[in-house]
Protein backbone atom coordinates (compact mmCIF):
# COMPACT_ATOMS: atom_id res chain seq x y z
CA UNK A 1 0.00 0.00 0.00
CA UNK A 2 1.36 3.37 -0.98
CA UNK A 3 1.78 6.50 1.07
CA UNK A 4 -1.47 7.96 -0.33
CA UNK A 5 -3.46 4.89 0.75
CA UNK A 6 -2.13 5.09 4.31
CA UNK A 7 -2.91 8.81 4.51
CA UNK A 8 -6.46 8.12 3.32
CA UNK A 9 -6.98 5.44 5.97
CA UNK A 10 -5.61 7.74 8.68
CA UNK A 11 -7.95 10.48 7.49
CA UNK A 12 -10.95 8.15 7.66
CA UNK A 13 -9.92 7.00 11.13
CA UNK A 14 -9.66 10.61 12.35
CA UNK A 15 -13.06 11.45 10.81
CA UNK A 16 -14.68 8.46 12.56
CA UNK A 17 -13.08 9.58 15.83
CA UNK A 18 -14.54 13.07 15.45
CA UNK A 19 -18.01 11.65 14.70
CA UNK A 20 -17.76 9.43 17.81
CA UNK A 21 -16.76 12.38 20.03
CA UNK A 22 -19.67 14.50 18.70
CA UNK A 23 -22.08 11.61 19.30
CA UNK A 24 -20.88 11.19 22.90
CA UNK A 25 -21.08 14.93 23.54
CA UNK A 26 -24.68 15.05 22.32
CA UNK A 27 -25.62 12.06 24.47
CA UNK A 28 -23.97 13.58 27.54
CA UNK A 29 -25.87 16.85 26.99
CA UNK A 30 -29.25 15.10 26.49
CA UNK A 31 -29.33 16.32 22.89
CA UNK A 32 -29.20 12.87 21.31
CA UNK A 33 -32.41 13.22 19.35
CA UNK A 34 -32.26 15.82 16.61
CA UNK A 35 -35.88 15.56 15.49
CA UNK A 36 -38.47 16.86 17.91
CA UNK A 37 -41.03 14.35 16.69
CA UNK A 38 -44.74 14.68 17.24
CA UNK A 39 -45.26 15.90 20.82
CA UNK A 40 -47.85 17.68 22.93
CA UNK A 41 -47.26 20.18 25.75
CA UNK A 42 -48.14 19.65 29.42
CA UNK A 43 -47.56 21.82 32.49
CA UNK A 44 -46.72 20.77 36.05
CA UNK A 45 -46.36 22.99 39.13
CA UNK A 46 -43.96 22.10 41.93
CA UNK A 47 -43.17 23.72 45.29
CA UNK A 48 -39.49 22.84 44.86
CA UNK A 49 -37.86 21.70 41.62
CA UNK A 50 -34.47 20.93 43.21
CA UNK A 51 -31.81 20.60 40.50
CA UNK A 52 -34.17 19.89 37.60
CA UNK A 53 -32.95 21.41 34.34
CA UNK A 54 -34.40 22.11 30.93
CA UNK A 55 -33.95 19.15 28.52
CA UNK A 56 -34.20 16.71 31.45
CA UNK A 57 -36.01 13.52 30.48
CA UNK A 58 -39.63 12.76 31.30
CA UNK A 59 -39.97 9.06 32.09
CA UNK A 60 -42.78 6.64 32.74
CA UNK A 61 -41.87 3.15 33.99
CA UNK A 62 -38.24 4.01 33.23
CA UNK A 63 -38.93 4.72 29.55
CA UNK A 64 -38.21 8.22 28.20
CA UNK A 65 -41.53 9.62 26.94
CA UNK A 66 -40.63 13.30 26.68
CA UNK A 67 -38.43 16.22 27.74
CA UNK A 68 -38.60 19.26 30.01
CA UNK A 69 -38.90 22.31 27.77
CA UNK A 70 -38.65 25.17 30.25
CA UNK A 71 -38.76 26.03 33.93
CA UNK A 72 -40.05 29.32 35.34
CA UNK A 73 -41.35 30.80 38.59
CA UNK A 74 -44.99 31.80 39.01
CA UNK A 75 -44.88 35.30 40.56
CA UNK A 76 -48.22 34.82 42.35
CA UNK A 77 -47.91 31.34 43.85
CA UNK A 78 -44.09 31.18 43.98
CA UNK A 79 -44.19 27.69 42.52
CA UNK A 80 -41.91 26.33 39.85
CA UNK A 81 -43.77 25.97 36.56
CA UNK A 82 -42.34 23.16 34.45
CA UNK A 83 -43.38 22.88 30.80
CA UNK A 84 -43.07 19.40 29.31
CA UNK A 85 -43.21 17.98 25.81
CA UNK A 86 -44.53 14.40 25.74
CA UNK A 87 -44.41 12.12 22.70
CA UNK A 88 -47.88 11.94 21.16
CA UNK A 89 -47.74 8.14 21.03
CA UNK A 90 -48.01 8.16 24.85
CA UNK A 91 -51.39 9.34 26.13
CA UNK A 92 -51.69 9.71 29.91
CA UNK A 93 -54.93 9.75 31.95
CA UNK A 94 -56.13 13.04 33.48
CA UNK A 95 -55.37 11.86 37.03
CA UNK A 96 -51.72 11.05 36.30
CA UNK A 97 -49.09 12.23 38.79
CA UNK A 98 -45.74 13.91 38.12
CA UNK A 99 -42.78 13.51 40.49
CA UNK A 100 -39.29 14.92 40.41
CA UNK A 101 -36.99 11.95 40.89
CA UNK A 102 -33.23 11.46 40.98
CA UNK A 103 -31.34 8.95 38.85
CA UNK A 104 -29.28 7.11 41.44
CA UNK A 105 -28.17 8.56 44.76
CA UNK A 106 -26.60 11.77 43.44
CA UNK A 107 -27.53 11.63 39.75
CA UNK A 108 -29.43 14.03 37.52
CA UNK A 109 -33.06 14.76 38.21
CA UNK A 110 -35.93 13.93 35.89
CA UNK A 111 -39.73 13.98 35.83
CA UNK A 112 -41.45 10.66 36.52
CA UNK A 113 -45.02 10.33 35.22
CA UNK A 114 -47.26 7.81 36.94
CA UNK A 115 -50.42 7.10 34.96
CA UNK A 116 -53.72 7.23 36.79
CA UNK A 117 -56.90 5.30 36.15
CA UNK A 118 -59.16 7.95 34.61
CA UNK A 119 -60.94 7.17 31.34
CA UNK A 120 -60.16 10.62 29.91
CA UNK A 121 -56.64 11.57 28.80
CA UNK A 122 -54.66 14.76 29.32
CA UNK A 123 -55.14 17.23 26.47
CA UNK A 124 -52.35 19.37 25.01
CA UNK A 125 -51.65 22.30 27.35
CA UNK A 126 -53.30 20.69 30.40
CA UNK A 127 -51.80 21.07 33.87
CA UNK A 128 -50.95 17.91 35.79
CA UNK A 129 -52.81 18.34 39.08
CA UNK A 130 -50.97 15.81 41.25
CA UNK A 131 -47.30 16.65 41.68
CA UNK A 132 -44.58 15.76 44.16
CA UNK A 133 -41.63 18.10 44.58
CA UNK A 134 -37.99 17.12 44.54
CA UNK A 135 -36.42 15.61 47.64
CA UNK A 136 -33.50 17.88 48.46
CA UNK A 137 -30.65 16.01 50.15
CA UNK A 138 -29.60 19.05 52.19
CA UNK A 139 -33.12 19.38 53.66
CA UNK A 140 -33.17 15.70 54.62
CA UNK A 141 -29.80 15.98 56.35
CA UNK A 142 -30.97 19.12 58.17
CA UNK A 143 -34.15 17.39 59.36
CA UNK A 144 -32.14 14.38 60.51
CA UNK A 145 -29.68 16.53 62.46
CA UNK A 146 -32.46 18.67 63.95
CA UNK A 147 -34.33 15.53 65.02
CA UNK A 148 -31.19 14.13 66.68
CA UNK A 149 -30.58 17.43 68.46
CA UNK A 150 -34.17 17.54 69.74
CA UNK A 151 -34.07 13.96 70.99
CA UNK A 152 -30.73 14.54 72.78
CA UNK A 153 -32.42 17.02 75.14
CA UNK A 154 -35.18 14.58 76.13
CA UNK A 155 -34.94 12.10 78.99
CA UNK A 156 -34.23 8.53 77.86
CA UNK A 157 -37.21 6.21 77.72
CA UNK A 158 -37.61 4.08 80.84
CA UNK A 159 -35.53 6.50 82.94
CA UNK A 160 -36.06 7.00 86.64
CA UNK A 161 -38.96 9.22 87.60
CA UNK A 162 -38.29 12.32 89.65
CA UNK A 163 -39.68 12.26 93.21
């Protein structure tokens, strides 16, 4: 094989490497799907969104069924307003619930949709009525420490009674 053939193979190898790096970067940034597909919008309101970000996945039973489009604050209720885009092939009942969940112990947060049992489905633009806010690890640790501090000041159970 001549020098030109080797240079061509090296060029192809470098091009494949660049394509692989771009693919991994898009996957890491949750931008893996270029086409938006046929979706419909939903809205969910949460008291605390934790570390939820735009483009976070919306999952049901572990399957990605949509994406978070935007997050804003309602100036009247001071709730986080999360706008979702759900794939039109997945129709959820009106009494479905939305929860902010964490992938793993310290992973990224996503929206989990739990379908309800209603006969009627959510329409485009509807607001999901049942929501559960994110569990913030710092708040849990604070509650745990506060509870331990409160119980340290109490008399132990079964202690001697004062005369």
